[in-house]
Every structure is written in C-alpha cells, then in structure tokens.
Amino acid sequence: MLDEASPRPGVVLRAGPFTPEEPTSAYKVVEIIGSSPDSWEAAAKNAIMEAAKSIRHLRVGEVNRLDVHLSDDGQVVEYRARLKVSLKHETE
C-alpha cells in the first residue's frame, strides 16, 4: 500500500500489525578470520572463500579488524583480517 502522504514518492508505508503472509528475512552473523602472506585484502578473501566451503547463503562481509603476525626480527610473516559475515537464517 502506498501512502499518498509519504515523504518520498514510491515509499511503501505499512499500517497495522505484521501479517504472516508477508515475507520476512532473518540473518545470522558469524565472525571469521583469514590470513595471507601477501596482503590484508587477500586475507579477507581467503576467510570468505574458506567460509563459503561450509557455510551456505553468505550475504555480506564486514572487515572489523586487521593485524599482522611478525617474525622475531620484525618482518611481516602474515596479514590477518577478522570479518563478520552474515548468512540467511534457514528454518528447519
């Protein structure tokens, strides 16, 4: 239903309570960590590629933290990216 008094044309405003016939979505958020000897970008991509092997319906990834693992002499050994990824929740 389109409300003629809507502040933006084309915005659908809902009146009344939710009805079970209306489609809904729920998403679960999990944290994953990836690593790479090359870059943070590669570390994030590796995390997502690995997660996709065992988690279905991945939707969005958000990088939350970047860090590096250093050798004893201060050289970068590996880049690490920590991400939160969302996946569509499935009901049994």
N, C-alpha and C. Protein backbone atom coordinates (compact mmCIF):
# COMPACT_ATOMS: atom_id res chain seq x y z
N MET A 1 0.83 -1.17 0.00
CA MET A 1 0.00 0.00 0.00
C MET A 1 0.88 1.24 0.00
N LEU A 2 0.55 2.16 -0.84
CA LEU A 2 1.31 3.40 -0.96
C LEU A 2 0.53 4.50 -0.29
N ASP A 3 1.16 5.18 0.59
CA ASP A 3 0.54 6.29 1.31
C ASP A 3 0.78 7.56 0.51
N GLU A 4 -0.27 8.23 0.11
CA GLU A 4 -0.15 9.45 -0.68
C GLU A 4 0.56 10.55 0.09
N ALA A 5 0.55 10.47 1.43
CA ALA A 5 1.20 11.50 2.24
C ALA A 5 2.66 11.12 2.55
N SER A 6 3.14 10.10 1.90
CA SER A 6 4.51 9.64 2.15
C SER A 6 5.50 10.75 1.84
N PRO A 7 6.53 10.91 2.66
CA PRO A 7 7.51 11.97 2.42
C PRO A 7 8.34 11.74 1.16
N ARG A 8 8.42 10.51 0.69
CA ARG A 8 9.17 10.21 -0.53
C ARG A 8 8.30 9.38 -1.46
N PRO A 9 8.19 9.78 -2.70
CA PRO A 9 7.38 9.01 -3.64
C PRO A 9 7.91 7.59 -3.78
N GLY A 10 7.00 6.64 -3.84
CA GLY A 10 7.39 5.26 -4.02
C GLY A 10 7.71 4.53 -2.73
N VAL A 11 7.66 5.22 -1.59
CA VAL A 11 7.93 4.58 -0.31
C VAL A 11 6.65 3.93 0.18
N VAL A 12 6.73 2.67 0.48
CA VAL A 12 5.56 1.95 0.97
C VAL A 12 5.54 2.04 2.48
N LEU A 13 4.47 2.56 3.00
CA LEU A 13 4.31 2.65 4.44
C LEU A 13 3.33 1.57 4.88
N ARG A 14 3.64 0.88 5.92
CA ARG A 14 2.83 -0.22 6.40
C ARG A 14 1.95 0.28 7.54
N ALA A 15 0.69 -0.03 7.48
CA ALA A 15 -0.22 0.33 8.55
C ALA A 15 -0.71 -0.95 9.20
N GLY A 16 -0.75 -0.95 10.49
CA GLY A 16 -1.27 -2.12 11.19
C GLY A 16 -0.18 -3.13 11.50
N PRO A 17 -0.59 -4.24 12.12
CA PRO A 17 0.37 -5.25 12.56
C PRO A 17 0.89 -6.10 11.40
N PHE A 18 2.00 -6.78 11.66
CA PHE A 18 2.59 -7.71 10.70
C PHE A 18 1.63 -8.87 10.48
N THR A 19 1.51 -9.30 9.24
CA THR A 19 0.68 -10.48 8.94
C THR A 19 1.59 -11.61 8.47
N PRO A 20 1.28 -12.86 8.81
CA PRO A 20 2.15 -13.98 8.49
C PRO A 20 2.39 -14.19 6.99
N GLU A 21 1.55 -13.66 6.13
CA GLU A 21 1.71 -13.84 4.70
C GLU A 21 2.84 -12.99 4.13
N GLU A 22 3.27 -11.98 4.86
CA GLU A 22 4.31 -11.10 4.37
C GLU A 22 5.67 -11.77 4.48
N PRO A 23 6.52 -11.66 3.44
CA PRO A 23 7.83 -12.30 3.51
C PRO A 23 8.73 -11.61 4.53
N THR A 24 9.51 -12.40 5.24
CA THR A 24 10.46 -11.86 6.20
C THR A 24 11.82 -12.50 5.97
N SER A 25 12.84 -11.86 6.47
CA SER A 25 14.18 -12.42 6.40
C SER A 25 14.85 -12.27 7.75
N ALA A 26 15.61 -13.26 8.10
CA ALA A 26 16.42 -13.19 9.31
C ALA A 26 17.83 -13.62 8.92
N TYR A 27 18.82 -12.95 9.48
CA TYR A 27 20.20 -13.25 9.15
C TYR A 27 20.98 -13.54 10.42
N LYS A 28 21.90 -14.47 10.31
CA LYS A 28 22.81 -14.80 11.39
C LYS A 28 24.15 -14.16 11.08
N VAL A 29 24.88 -13.71 12.11
CA VAL A 29 26.18 -13.10 11.92
C VAL A 29 27.23 -13.96 12.64
N VAL A 30 28.28 -14.31 11.91
CA VAL A 30 29.38 -15.07 12.49
C VAL A 30 30.69 -14.35 12.22
N GLU A 31 31.67 -14.61 13.07
CA GLU A 31 32.97 -13.98 12.90
C GLU A 31 33.95 -15.01 12.33
N ILE A 32 34.73 -14.58 11.35
CA ILE A 32 35.73 -15.44 10.73
C ILE A 32 37.05 -14.68 10.64
N ILE A 33 38.15 -15.42 10.59
CA ILE A 33 39.47 -14.81 10.47
C ILE A 33 40.20 -15.49 9.33
N GLY A 34 40.78 -14.70 8.45
CA GLY A 34 41.57 -15.22 7.35
C GLY A 34 42.98 -14.69 7.41
N SER A 35 43.90 -15.39 6.75
CA SER A 35 45.29 -14.93 6.74
C SER A 35 45.88 -15.09 5.35
N SER A 36 46.95 -14.34 5.12
CA SER A 36 47.66 -14.40 3.85
C SER A 36 49.07 -13.85 4.05
N PRO A 37 50.05 -14.41 3.36
CA PRO A 37 51.39 -13.84 3.42
C PRO A 37 51.52 -12.58 2.55
N ASP A 38 50.49 -12.28 1.73
CA ASP A 38 50.58 -11.21 0.74
C ASP A 38 49.96 -9.88 1.13
N SER A 39 48.71 -9.89 1.65
CA SER A 39 48.02 -8.62 1.92
C SER A 39 46.79 -8.85 2.80
N TRP A 40 46.27 -7.73 3.35
CA TRP A 40 45.02 -7.81 4.11
C TRP A 40 43.85 -8.16 3.20
N GLU A 41 43.86 -7.62 1.99
CA GLU A 41 42.79 -7.94 1.04
C GLU A 41 42.75 -9.44 0.75
N ALA A 42 43.91 -10.02 0.54
CA ALA A 42 43.97 -11.47 0.28
C ALA A 42 43.54 -12.25 1.52
N ALA A 43 43.87 -11.75 2.71
CA ALA A 43 43.47 -12.41 3.95
C ALA A 43 41.95 -12.42 4.08
N ALA A 44 41.31 -11.28 3.78
CA ALA A 44 39.85 -11.20 3.85
C ALA A 44 39.22 -12.14 2.82
N LYS A 45 39.76 -12.14 1.62
CA LYS A 45 39.23 -13.01 0.57
C LYS A 45 39.40 -14.48 0.95
N ASN A 46 40.54 -14.83 1.53
CA ASN A 46 40.76 -16.22 1.96
C ASN A 46 39.76 -16.64 3.03
N ALA A 47 39.46 -15.73 3.95
CA ALA A 47 38.49 -16.04 5.00
C ALA A 47 37.13 -16.34 4.39
N ILE A 48 36.71 -15.52 3.46
CA ILE A 48 35.40 -15.71 2.83
C ILE A 48 35.37 -16.98 1.99
N MET A 49 36.43 -17.23 1.24
CA MET A 49 36.48 -18.43 0.39
C MET A 49 36.43 -19.71 1.24
N GLU A 50 37.13 -19.71 2.35
CA GLU A 50 37.11 -20.88 3.24
C GLU A 50 35.73 -21.04 3.89
N ALA A 51 35.15 -19.93 4.36
CA ALA A 51 33.84 -19.99 4.99
C ALA A 51 32.78 -20.49 4.01
N ALA A 52 32.90 -20.09 2.77
CA ALA A 52 31.92 -20.48 1.75
C ALA A 52 31.92 -21.98 1.48
N LYS A 53 32.98 -22.66 1.87
CA LYS A 53 33.04 -24.12 1.68
C LYS A 53 32.10 -24.85 2.63
N SER A 54 31.82 -24.24 3.79
CA SER A 54 30.99 -24.94 4.77
C SER A 54 29.76 -24.16 5.24
N ILE A 55 29.65 -22.90 4.82
CA ILE A 55 28.51 -22.07 5.21
C ILE A 55 27.75 -21.67 3.96
N ARG A 56 26.46 -21.96 3.95
CA ARG A 56 25.64 -21.60 2.79
C ARG A 56 25.03 -20.22 2.95
N HIS A 57 24.70 -19.62 1.85
CA HIS A 57 23.94 -18.36 1.81
C HIS A 57 24.66 -17.18 2.46
N LEU A 58 25.97 -17.07 2.27
CA LEU A 58 26.69 -15.89 2.76
C LEU A 58 26.16 -14.66 2.05
N ARG A 59 25.96 -13.57 2.76
CA ARG A 59 25.37 -12.37 2.17
C ARG A 59 26.33 -11.17 2.17
N VAL A 60 26.85 -10.82 3.35
CA VAL A 60 27.65 -9.60 3.47
C VAL A 60 28.83 -9.89 4.39
N GLY A 61 29.98 -9.34 4.03
CA GLY A 61 31.15 -9.43 4.90
C GLY A 61 31.60 -8.04 5.30
N GLU A 62 31.95 -7.88 6.57
CA GLU A 62 32.40 -6.58 7.08
C GLU A 62 33.73 -6.79 7.81
N VAL A 63 34.77 -6.13 7.34
CA VAL A 63 36.08 -6.24 7.98
C VAL A 63 36.04 -5.44 9.28
N ASN A 64 36.33 -6.12 10.39
CA ASN A 64 36.30 -5.47 11.69
C ASN A 64 37.67 -5.14 12.23
N ARG A 65 38.66 -5.96 11.86
CA ARG A 65 39.98 -5.77 12.44
C ARG A 65 41.04 -6.30 11.48
N LEU A 66 42.14 -5.58 11.41
CA LEU A 66 43.28 -6.01 10.62
C LEU A 66 44.49 -6.06 11.54
N ASP A 67 45.28 -7.12 11.42
CA ASP A 67 46.52 -7.17 12.17
C ASP A 67 47.54 -8.00 11.40
N VAL A 68 48.76 -8.04 11.92
CA VAL A 68 49.83 -8.80 11.28
C VAL A 68 50.53 -9.67 12.30
N HIS A 69 51.03 -10.79 11.83
CA HIS A 69 51.89 -11.65 12.65
C HIS A 69 53.31 -11.32 12.25
N LEU A 70 54.15 -11.03 13.24
CA LEU A 70 55.52 -10.58 12.96
C LEU A 70 56.54 -11.65 13.36
N SER A 71 57.65 -11.67 12.62
CA SER A 71 58.76 -12.55 12.97
C SER A 71 59.54 -11.92 14.12
N ASP A 72 60.49 -12.66 14.66
CA ASP A 72 61.31 -12.16 15.76
C ASP A 72 62.10 -10.91 15.39
N ASP A 73 62.42 -10.77 14.10
CA ASP A 73 63.18 -9.58 13.67
C ASP A 73 62.29 -8.47 13.12
N GLY A 74 60.96 -8.58 13.36
CA GLY A 74 60.05 -7.50 12.99
C GLY A 74 59.52 -7.52 11.57
N GLN A 75 59.75 -8.59 10.84
CA GLN A 75 59.23 -8.69 9.48
C GLN A 75 57.80 -9.24 9.50
N VAL A 76 56.99 -8.77 8.56
CA VAL A 76 55.62 -9.27 8.46
C VAL A 76 55.65 -10.70 7.93
N VAL A 77 55.11 -11.61 8.71
CA VAL A 77 55.03 -13.02 8.33
C VAL A 77 53.70 -13.29 7.65
N GLU A 78 52.64 -12.68 8.21
CA GLU A 78 51.31 -12.94 7.68
C GLU A 78 50.36 -11.80 8.05
N TYR A 79 49.50 -11.46 7.11
CA TYR A 79 48.44 -10.48 7.32
C TYR A 79 47.19 -11.23 7.75
N ARG A 80 46.44 -10.65 8.70
CA ARG A 80 45.21 -11.30 9.16
C ARG A 80 44.06 -10.30 9.11
N ALA A 81 42.92 -10.80 8.70
CA ALA A 81 41.70 -9.98 8.64
C ALA A 81 40.60 -10.70 9.41
N ARG A 82 39.97 -9.97 10.31
CA ARG A 82 38.83 -10.51 11.06
C ARG A 82 37.57 -9.88 10.48
N LEU A 83 36.62 -10.72 10.09
CA LEU A 83 35.39 -10.25 9.45
C LEU A 83 34.17 -10.77 10.18
N LYS A 84 33.10 -10.01 10.10
CA LYS A 84 31.78 -10.51 10.48
C LYS A 84 31.05 -10.73 9.16
N VAL A 85 30.50 -11.91 8.99
CA VAL A 85 29.75 -12.21 7.78
C VAL A 85 28.32 -12.59 8.17
N SER A 86 27.40 -12.18 7.33
CA SER A 86 26.00 -12.54 7.58
C SER A 86 25.58 -13.62 6.60
N LEU A 87 24.69 -14.46 7.08
CA LEU A 87 24.15 -15.52 6.24
C LEU A 87 22.66 -15.62 6.52
N LYS A 88 21.95 -16.00 5.50
CA LYS A 88 20.49 -16.09 5.64
C LYS A 88 20.15 -17.23 6.57
N HIS A 89 19.33 -16.97 7.56
CA HIS A 89 18.91 -17.97 8.52
C HIS A 89 17.88 -18.88 7.86
N GLU A 90 18.10 -20.17 8.01
CA GLU A 90 17.16 -21.15 7.46
C GLU A 90 16.40 -21.82 8.60
N THR A 91 15.10 -21.95 8.45
CA THR A 91 14.32 -22.67 9.43
C THR A 91 14.27 -24.13 9.03
N GLU A 92 14.24 -24.98 10.04
CA GLU A 92 14.23 -26.41 9.75
C GLU A 92 12.94 -26.88 9.19
